[in-house]
Amino acid sequence: MTGLILNDDDGDLALLRDSVAGFAQRHDGPATLRARRASGADLDRTSWAAMAEAGWLV
């Protein structure tokens, strides 16, 4: 298995980072999602739908 390569010559990582930062500002943060998971609650369909819309689940 190859190592993790973090070169961002084409700017893809920067685009992803900016997309995630914007998502975090518009939606519940990780603490809320972790609390849902710890309580055994069902997945948050709204958050998953938003992540799919952002193209992250491809």
PDB file of N, CA and C in Angstrom:
ATOM      1  N   MET A   1       0.852  -1.180   0.000  1.00  0.00           N
ATOM      2  CA  MET A   1       0.000   0.000   0.000  1.00  0.00           C
ATOM      3  C   MET A   1       0.895   1.240   0.000  1.00  0.00           C
ATOM      4  N   THR A   2       0.517   2.213  -0.770  1.00  0.00           N
ATOM      5  CA  THR A   2       1.316   3.428  -0.845  1.00  0.00           C
ATOM      6  C   THR A   2       1.010   4.344   0.329  1.00  0.00           C
ATOM      7  N   GLY A   3       1.898   5.274   0.594  1.00  0.00           N
ATOM      8  CA  GLY A   3       1.709   6.235   1.664  1.00  0.00           C
ATOM      9  C   GLY A   3       0.741   7.336   1.270  1.00  0.00           C
ATOM     10  N   LEU A   4       0.346   8.099   2.239  1.00  0.00           N
ATOM     11  CA  LEU A   4      -0.556   9.221   2.017  1.00  0.00           C
ATOM     12  C   LEU A   4       0.197  10.342   1.306  1.00  0.00           C
ATOM     13  N   ILE A   5      -0.348  10.810   0.209  1.00  0.00           N
ATOM     14  CA  ILE A   5       0.282  11.873  -0.567  1.00  0.00           C
ATOM     15  C   ILE A   5      -0.563  13.127  -0.424  1.00  0.00           C
ATOM     16  N   LEU A   6       0.016  14.186   0.084  1.00  0.00           N
ATOM     17  CA  LEU A   6      -0.729  15.414   0.317  1.00  0.00           C
ATOM     18  C   LEU A   6      -0.322  16.547  -0.604  1.00  0.00           C
ATOM     19  N   ASN A   7       0.335  16.217  -1.714  1.00  0.00           N
ATOM     20  CA  ASN A   7       0.624  17.254  -2.698  1.00  0.00           C
ATOM     21  C   ASN A   7      -0.696  17.755  -3.256  1.00  0.00           C
ATOM     22  N   ASP A   8      -0.793  19.050  -3.453  1.00  0.00           N
ATOM     23  CA  ASP A   8      -2.046  19.620  -3.948  1.00  0.00           C
ATOM     24  C   ASP A   8      -1.767  20.473  -5.178  1.00  0.00           C
ATOM     25  N   ASP A   9      -1.035  19.882  -6.112  1.00  0.00           N
ATOM     26  CA  ASP A   9      -0.629  20.623  -7.298  1.00  0.00           C
ATOM     27  C   ASP A   9      -1.812  21.157  -8.102  1.00  0.00           C
ATOM     28  N   ASP A  10      -2.925  20.417  -8.123  1.00  0.00           N
ATOM     29  CA  ASP A  10      -4.080  20.850  -8.911  1.00  0.00           C
ATOM     30  C   ASP A  10      -5.134  21.586  -8.080  1.00  0.00           C
ATOM     31  N   GLY A  11      -4.927  21.706  -6.774  1.00  0.00           N
ATOM     32  CA  GLY A  11      -5.838  22.468  -5.920  1.00  0.00           C
ATOM     33  C   GLY A  11      -7.061  21.706  -5.429  1.00  0.00           C
ATOM     34  N   ASP A  12      -7.128  20.395  -5.688  1.00  0.00           N
ATOM     35  CA  ASP A  12      -8.287  19.617  -5.261  1.00  0.00           C
ATOM     36  C   ASP A  12      -8.445  19.589  -3.738  1.00  0.00           C
ATOM     37  N   LEU A  13      -7.340  19.416  -3.017  1.00  0.00           N
ATOM     38  CA  LEU A  13      -7.428  19.385  -1.557  1.00  0.00           C
ATOM     39  C   LEU A  13      -7.889  20.719  -0.991  1.00  0.00           C
ATOM     40  N   ALA A  14      -7.437  21.799  -1.575  1.00  0.00           N
ATOM     41  CA  ALA A  14      -7.869  23.123  -1.120  1.00  0.00           C
ATOM     42  C   ALA A  14      -9.362  23.310  -1.357  1.00  0.00           C
ATOM     43  N   LEU A  15      -9.873  22.844  -2.502  1.00  0.00           N
ATOM     44  CA  LEU A  15     -11.304  22.929  -2.774  1.00  0.00           C
ATOM     45  C   LEU A  15     -12.111  22.113  -1.769  1.00  0.00           C
ATOM     46  N   LEU A  16     -11.630  20.913  -1.469  1.00  0.00           N
ATOM     47  CA  LEU A  16     -12.318  20.069  -0.499  1.00  0.00           C
ATOM     48  C   LEU A  16     -12.298  20.712   0.888  1.00  0.00           C
ATOM     49  N   ARG A  17     -11.143  21.235   1.285  1.00  0.00           N
ATOM     50  CA  ARG A  17     -11.016  21.893   2.586  1.00  0.00           C
ATOM     51  C   ARG A  17     -11.987  23.059   2.700  1.00  0.00           C
ATOM     52  N   ASP A  18     -12.073  23.871   1.662  1.00  0.00           N
ATOM     53  CA  ASP A  18     -12.980  25.022   1.672  1.00  0.00           C
ATOM     54  C   ASP A  18     -14.437  24.577   1.700  1.00  0.00           C
ATOM     55  N   SER A  19     -14.735  23.501   0.980  1.00  0.00           N
ATOM     56  CA  SER A  19     -16.090  22.970   0.964  1.00  0.00           C
ATOM     57  C   SER A  19     -16.494  22.464   2.352  1.00  0.00           C
ATOM     58  N   VAL A  20     -15.597  21.749   3.011  1.00  0.00           N
ATOM     59  CA  VAL A  20     -15.871  21.231   4.358  1.00  0.00           C
ATOM     60  C   VAL A  20     -16.019  22.372   5.354  1.00  0.00           C
ATOM     61  N   ALA A  21     -15.172  23.374   5.256  1.00  0.00           N
ATOM     62  CA  ALA A  21     -15.260  24.519   6.174  1.00  0.00           C
ATOM     63  C   ALA A  21     -16.591  25.248   6.011  1.00  0.00           C
ATOM     64  N   GLY A  22     -17.022  25.439   4.780  1.00  0.00           N
ATOM     65  CA  GLY A  22     -18.308  26.085   4.539  1.00  0.00           C
ATOM     66  C   GLY A  22     -19.468  25.249   5.054  1.00  0.00           C
ATOM     67  N   PHE A  23     -19.382  23.933   4.844  1.00  0.00           N
ATOM     68  CA  PHE A  23     -20.411  23.023   5.340  1.00  0.00           C
ATOM     69  C   PHE A  23     -20.508  23.118   6.858  1.00  0.00           C
ATOM     70  N   ALA A  24     -19.373  23.105   7.528  1.00  0.00           N
ATOM     71  CA  ALA A  24     -19.356  23.162   8.996  1.00  0.00           C
ATOM     72  C   ALA A  24     -19.979  24.456   9.518  1.00  0.00           C
ATOM     73  N   GLN A  25     -19.818  25.534   8.792  1.00  0.00           N
ATOM     74  CA  GLN A  25     -20.417  26.800   9.216  1.00  0.00           C
ATOM     75  C   GLN A  25     -21.931  26.802   9.044  1.00  0.00           C
ATOM     76  N   ARG A  26     -22.448  26.063   8.051  1.00  0.00           N
ATOM     77  CA  ARG A  26     -23.880  26.057   7.761  1.00  0.00           C
ATOM     78  C   ARG A  26     -24.651  24.966   8.490  1.00  0.00           C
ATOM     79  N   HIS A  27     -23.967  23.952   9.005  1.00  0.00           N
ATOM     80  CA  HIS A  27     -24.626  22.804   9.630  1.00  0.00           C
ATOM     81  C   HIS A  27     -24.079  22.584  11.028  1.00  0.00           C
ATOM     82  N   ASP A  28     -24.750  21.674  11.735  1.00  0.00           N
ATOM     83  CA  ASP A  28     -24.283  21.319  13.080  1.00  0.00           C
ATOM     84  C   ASP A  28     -22.837  20.854  13.024  1.00  0.00           C
ATOM     85  N   GLY A  29     -22.093  21.223  14.024  1.00  0.00           N
ATOM     86  CA  GLY A  29     -20.682  20.865  14.080  1.00  0.00           C
ATOM     87  C   GLY A  29     -20.460  19.429  14.511  1.00  0.00           C
ATOM     88  N   PRO A  30     -19.205  19.018  14.578  1.00  0.00           N
ATOM     89  CA  PRO A  30     -18.886  17.637  14.910  1.00  0.00           C
ATOM     90  C   PRO A  30     -19.349  17.232  16.304  1.00  0.00           C
ATOM     91  N   ALA A  31     -19.379  18.147  17.254  1.00  0.00           N
ATOM     92  CA  ALA A  31     -19.810  17.796  18.609  1.00  0.00           C
ATOM     93  C   ALA A  31     -21.259  17.313  18.605  1.00  0.00           C
ATOM     94  N   THR A  32     -22.110  17.975  17.829  1.00  0.00           N
ATOM     95  CA  THR A  32     -23.514  17.569  17.738  1.00  0.00           C
ATOM     96  C   THR A  32     -23.636  16.208  17.076  1.00  0.00           C
ATOM     97  N   LEU A  33     -22.890  15.995  16.011  1.00  0.00           N
ATOM     98  CA  LEU A  33     -22.945  14.708  15.323  1.00  0.00           C
ATOM     99  C   LEU A  33     -22.396  13.578  16.196  1.00  0.00           C
ATOM    100  N   ARG A  34     -21.346  13.850  16.940  1.00  0.00           N
ATOM    101  CA  ARG A  34     -20.799  12.837  17.849  1.00  0.00           C
ATOM    102  C   ARG A  34     -21.782  12.514  18.969  1.00  0.00           C
ATOM    103  N   ALA A  35     -22.484  13.530  19.476  1.00  0.00           N
ATOM    104  CA  ALA A  35     -23.489  13.307  20.522  1.00  0.00           C
ATOM    105  C   ALA A  35     -24.621  12.429  19.993  1.00  0.00           C
ATOM    106  N   ARG A  36     -25.045  12.664  18.753  1.00  0.00           N
ATOM    107  CA  ARG A  36     -26.080  11.816  18.139  1.00  0.00           C
ATOM    108  C   ARG A  36     -25.604  10.369  18.059  1.00  0.00           C
ATOM    109  N   ARG A  37     -24.378  10.183  17.633  1.00  0.00           N
ATOM    110  CA  ARG A  37     -23.834   8.833  17.506  1.00  0.00           C
ATOM    111  C   ARG A  37     -23.742   8.167  18.874  1.00  0.00           C
ATOM    112  N   ALA A  38     -23.256   8.895  19.876  1.00  0.00           N
ATOM    113  CA  ALA A  38     -23.100   8.336  21.221  1.00  0.00           C
ATOM    114  C   ALA A  38     -24.444   7.956  21.844  1.00  0.00           C
ATOM    115  N   SER A  39     -25.495   8.687  21.495  1.00  0.00           N
ATOM    116  CA  SER A  39     -26.813   8.399  22.059  1.00  0.00           C
ATOM    117  C   SER A  39     -27.509   7.251  21.342  1.00  0.00           C
ATOM    118  N   GLY A  40     -26.923   6.782  20.249  1.00  0.00           N
ATOM    119  CA  GLY A  40     -27.531   5.703  19.488  1.00  0.00           C
ATOM    120  C   GLY A  40     -28.629   6.174  18.564  1.00  0.00           C
ATOM    121  N   ALA A  41     -28.724   7.488  18.338  1.00  0.00           N
ATOM    122  CA  ALA A  41     -29.752   8.041  17.460  1.00  0.00           C
ATOM    123  C   ALA A  41     -29.509   7.605  16.018  1.00  0.00           C
ATOM    124  N   ASP A  42     -30.580   7.603  15.255  1.00  0.00           N
ATOM    125  CA  ASP A  42     -30.455   7.309  13.829  1.00  0.00           C
ATOM    126  C   ASP A  42     -29.576   8.354  13.165  1.00  0.00           C
ATOM    127  N   LEU A  43     -29.081   8.012  11.985  1.00  0.00           N
ATOM    128  CA  LEU A  43     -28.253   8.966  11.258  1.00  0.00           C
ATOM    129  C   LEU A  43     -29.063  10.216  10.916  1.00  0.00           C
ATOM    130  N   ASP A  44     -28.376  11.298  10.779  1.00  0.00           N
ATOM    131  CA  ASP A  44     -29.008  12.577  10.459  1.00  0.00           C
ATOM    132  C   ASP A  44     -29.145  12.665   8.939  1.00  0.00           C
ATOM    133  N   ARG A  45     -30.320  12.350   8.448  1.00  0.00           N
ATOM    134  CA  ARG A  45     -30.545  12.308   7.004  1.00  0.00           C
ATOM    135  C   ARG A  45     -30.322  13.667   6.337  1.00  0.00           C
ATOM    136  N   THR A  46     -30.633  14.739   7.045  1.00  0.00           N
ATOM    137  CA  THR A  46     -30.440  16.075   6.483  1.00  0.00           C
ATOM    138  C   THR A  46     -28.958  16.344   6.226  1.00  0.00           C
ATOM    139  N   SER A  47     -28.116  16.004   7.204  1.00  0.00           N
ATOM    140  CA  SER A  47     -26.670  16.205   7.034  1.00  0.00           C
ATOM    141  C   SER A  47     -26.121  15.321   5.928  1.00  0.00           C
ATOM    142  N   TRP A  48     -26.555  14.052   5.879  1.00  0.00           N
ATOM    143  CA  TRP A  48     -26.075  13.149   4.835  1.00  0.00           C
ATOM    144  C   TRP A  48     -26.527  13.611   3.462  1.00  0.00           C
ATOM    145  N   ALA A  49     -27.748  14.108   3.371  1.00  0.00           N
ATOM    146  CA  ALA A  49     -28.242  14.606   2.079  1.00  0.00           C
ATOM    147  C   ALA A  49     -27.417  15.814   1.633  1.00  0.00           C
ATOM    148  N   ALA A  50     -27.074  16.682   2.587  1.00  0.00           N
ATOM    149  CA  ALA A  50     -26.262  17.854   2.254  1.00  0.00           C
ATOM    150  C   ALA A  50     -24.858  17.443   1.816  1.00  0.00           C
ATOM    151  N   MET A  51     -24.277  16.423   2.473  1.00  0.00           N
ATOM    152  CA  MET A  51     -22.954  15.946   2.071  1.00  0.00           C
ATOM    153  C   MET A  51     -23.014  15.319   0.675  1.00  0.00           C
ATOM    154  N   ALA A  52     -24.092  14.599   0.387  1.00  0.00           N
ATOM    155  CA  ALA A  52     -24.247  14.016  -0.952  1.00  0.00           C
ATOM    156  C   ALA A  52     -24.387  15.112  -1.993  1.00  0.00           C
ATOM    157  N   GLU A  53     -25.152  16.143  -1.659  1.00  0.00           N
ATOM    158  CA  GLU A  53     -25.319  17.261  -2.582  1.00  0.00           C
ATOM    159  C   GLU A  53     -24.005  17.973  -2.852  1.00  0.00           C
ATOM    160  N   ALA A  54     -23.130  18.010  -1.836  1.00  0.00           N
ATOM    161  CA  ALA A  54     -21.809  18.622  -1.990  1.00  0.00           C
ATOM    162  C   ALA A  54     -20.874  17.756  -2.833  1.00  0.00           C
ATOM    163  N   GLY A  55     -21.282  16.497  -3.101  1.00  0.00           N
ATOM    164  CA  GLY A  55     -20.470  15.613  -3.922  1.00  0.00           C
ATOM    165  C   GLY A  55     -19.468  14.793  -3.152  1.00  0.00           C
ATOM    166  N   TRP A  56     -19.602  14.701  -1.848  1.00  0.00           N
ATOM    167  CA  TRP A  56     -18.615  13.988  -1.039  1.00  0.00           C
ATOM    168  C   TRP A  56     -18.839  12.498  -1.010  1.00  0.00           C
ATOM    169  N   LEU A  57     -20.007  12.013  -1.383  1.00  0.00           N
ATOM    170  CA  LEU A  57     -20.314  10.593  -1.243  1.00  0.00           C
ATOM    171  C   LEU A  57     -20.155   9.822  -2.549  1.00  0.00           C
ATOM    172  N   VAL A  58     -19.433  10.390  -3.445  1.00  0.00           N
ATOM    173  CA  VAL A  58     -19.228   9.756  -4.744  1.00  0.00           C
ATOM    174  C   VAL A  58     -18.167   8.688  -4.632  1.00  0.00           C
TER     175      VAL A  58
END
